Amino acid sequence: MKIVFKLFATLQDFLPAEARRTSAVTIELAEDTKIINVIESYGIARAMCHLVLVDGFYIPPAQWDSRVLRDGETLAIWPPVAGG
């Protein structure tokens, strides 16, 4: 199956160079792939994933280990942000 994987702000550095301009890459996954599997396969620490959305719906951290991704979905992740 294929999904669109989007990383924003400082997390864009984990994407392949050619995907950084659009912040997105289409990836091929096994049918039973969970959100945490994608995060870990890109070498991203859990603490760096502040906002995780699947097709625009917030997925709380407690569900990252159990939420199975489906063909055609979009997984988008933002890091923690600070400012003021």
C-alpha atoms as a PDB file:
ATOM      1  CA  MET A   1       0.000   0.000   0.000  1.00  0.00           C
ATOM      2  CA  LYS A   2       1.047   3.621  -0.444  1.00  0.00           C
ATOM      3  CA  ILE A   3       0.622   6.626   1.835  1.00  0.00           C
ATOM      4  CA  VAL A   4       1.757  10.234   1.706  1.00  0.00           C
ATOM      5  CA  PHE A   5       4.159  11.044   4.539  1.00  0.00           C
ATOM      6  CA  LYS A   6       4.560  14.726   5.436  1.00  0.00           C
ATOM      7  CA  LEU A   7       7.067  16.237   7.847  1.00  0.00           C
ATOM      8  CA  PHE A   8       7.100  19.906   8.766  1.00  0.00           C
ATOM      9  CA  ALA A   9       9.509  22.484  10.210  1.00  0.00           C
ATOM     10  CA  THR A  10      12.708  20.914  11.613  1.00  0.00           C
ATOM     11  CA  LEU A  11      11.429  17.393  10.873  1.00  0.00           C
ATOM     12  CA  GLN A  12      11.828  18.025   7.130  1.00  0.00           C
ATOM     13  CA  ASP A  13      15.492  17.117   7.554  1.00  0.00           C
ATOM     14  CA  PHE A  14      14.406  13.470   7.922  1.00  0.00           C
ATOM     15  CA  LEU A  15      12.906  13.440   4.412  1.00  0.00           C
ATOM     16  CA  PRO A  16      14.929  12.596   1.307  1.00  0.00           C
ATOM     17  CA  ALA A  17      16.482  15.758  -0.181  1.00  0.00           C
ATOM     18  CA  GLU A  18      14.157  15.760  -3.197  1.00  0.00           C
ATOM     19  CA  ALA A  19      11.063  15.724  -0.943  1.00  0.00           C
ATOM     20  CA  ARG A  20      12.031  18.622   1.321  1.00  0.00           C
ATOM     21  CA  ARG A  21      10.663  21.330  -0.966  1.00  0.00           C
ATOM     22  CA  THR A  22       7.139  19.906  -0.766  1.00  0.00           C
ATOM     23  CA  SER A  23       7.510  18.460   2.775  1.00  0.00           C
ATOM     24  CA  ALA A  24       6.011  15.217   1.467  1.00  0.00           C
ATOM     25  CA  VAL A  25       6.982  11.844   0.090  1.00  0.00           C
ATOM     26  CA  THR A  26       4.873   8.929  -1.093  1.00  0.00           C
ATOM     27  CA  ILE A  27       6.023   5.721   0.584  1.00  0.00           C
ATOM     28  CA  GLU A  28       5.234   2.045   0.142  1.00  0.00           C
ATOM     29  CA  LEU A  29       4.272   0.204   3.340  1.00  0.00           C
ATOM     30  CA  ALA A  30       3.224  -3.278   4.414  1.00  0.00           C
ATOM     31  CA  GLU A  31      -0.492  -3.684   5.059  1.00  0.00           C
ATOM     32  CA  ASP A  32      -0.176  -3.833   8.863  1.00  0.00           C
ATOM     33  CA  THR A  33       2.099  -0.799   9.315  1.00  0.00           C
ATOM     34  CA  LYS A  34       1.374   1.365  12.337  1.00  0.00           C
ATOM     35  CA  ILE A  35       2.146   5.058  12.814  1.00  0.00           C
ATOM     36  CA  ILE A  36       5.025   4.321  15.188  1.00  0.00           C
ATOM     37  CA  ASN A  37       6.604   2.020  12.571  1.00  0.00           C
ATOM     38  CA  VAL A  38       6.873   4.924  10.121  1.00  0.00           C
ATOM     39  CA  ILE A  39       8.203   7.307  12.776  1.00  0.00           C
ATOM     40  CA  GLU A  40      10.880   4.834  13.859  1.00  0.00           C
ATOM     41  CA  SER A  41      11.834   3.832  10.310  1.00  0.00           C
ATOM     42  CA  TYR A  42      12.763   7.464   9.619  1.00  0.00           C
ATOM     43  CA  GLY A  43      14.821   7.675  12.822  1.00  0.00           C
ATOM     44  CA  ILE A  44      12.595  10.294  14.432  1.00  0.00           C
ATOM     45  CA  ALA A  45      12.456  10.335  18.239  1.00  0.00           C
ATOM     46  CA  ARG A  46       8.945  10.153  19.721  1.00  0.00           C
ATOM     47  CA  ALA A  47       9.656  13.341  21.670  1.00  0.00           C
ATOM     48  CA  MET A  48      10.119  15.182  18.368  1.00  0.00           C
ATOM     49  CA  CYS A  49       6.583  14.310  17.237  1.00  0.00           C
ATOM     50  CA  HIS A  50       4.244  16.820  18.814  1.00  0.00           C
ATOM     51  CA  LEU A  51       1.277  16.867  16.439  1.00  0.00           C
ATOM     52  CA  VAL A  52       0.404  13.740  14.450  1.00  0.00           C
ATOM     53  CA  LEU A  53      -2.484  13.777  11.981  1.00  0.00           C
ATOM     54  CA  VAL A  54      -3.883  11.115   9.669  1.00  0.00           C
ATOM     55  CA  ASP A  55      -5.995  12.655   6.908  1.00  0.00           C
ATOM     56  CA  GLY A  56      -6.338  15.777   9.058  1.00  0.00           C
ATOM     57  CA  PHE A  57      -7.486  13.982  12.223  1.00  0.00           C
ATOM     58  CA  TYR A  58      -5.382  14.224  15.387  1.00  0.00           C
ATOM     59  CA  ILE A  59      -3.936  10.925  16.625  1.00  0.00           C
ATOM     60  CA  PRO A  60      -2.904  11.025  20.307  1.00  0.00           C
ATOM     61  CA  PRO A  61       0.460   9.475  21.271  1.00  0.00           C
ATOM     62  CA  ALA A  62      -1.281   6.596  23.078  1.00  0.00           C
ATOM     63  CA  GLN A  63      -2.607   5.410  19.681  1.00  0.00           C
ATOM     64  CA  TRP A  64       0.632   5.577  17.682  1.00  0.00           C
ATOM     65  CA  ASP A  65       1.482   1.975  18.586  1.00  0.00           C
ATOM     66  CA  SER A  66      -1.910   0.611  17.550  1.00  0.00           C
ATOM     67  CA  ARG A  67      -3.248   2.828  14.725  1.00  0.00           C
ATOM     68  CA  VAL A  68      -2.785   0.928  11.466  1.00  0.00           C
ATOM     69  CA  LEU A  69      -2.344   3.062   8.360  1.00  0.00           C
ATOM     70  CA  ARG A  70      -4.485   2.403   5.289  1.00  0.00           C
ATOM     71  CA  ASP A  71      -3.790   2.744   1.589  1.00  0.00           C
ATOM     72  CA  GLY A  72      -4.119   6.315   0.352  1.00  0.00           C
ATOM     73  CA  GLU A  73      -3.962   8.011   3.757  1.00  0.00           C
ATOM     74  CA  THR A  74      -1.764  10.978   4.574  1.00  0.00           C
ATOM     75  CA  LEU A  75       0.361  10.910   7.733  1.00  0.00           C
ATOM     76  CA  ALA A  76       1.530  14.400   8.752  1.00  0.00           C
ATOM     77  CA  ILE A  77       3.801  15.228  11.698  1.00  0.00           C
ATOM     78  CA  TRP A  78       4.867  18.520  13.289  1.00  0.00           C
ATOM     79  CA  PRO A  79       7.580  18.950  15.932  1.00  0.00           C
ATOM     80  CA  PRO A  80       7.113  20.846  19.196  1.00  0.00           C
ATOM     81  CA  VAL A  81       7.189  24.592  18.609  1.00  0.00           C
ATOM     82  CA  ALA A  82       8.291  27.382  20.903  1.00  0.00           C
ATOM     83  CA  GLY A  83       8.099  31.083  20.569  1.00  0.00           C
ATOM     84  CA  GLY A  84       6.547  34.115  21.961  1.00  0.00           C
END
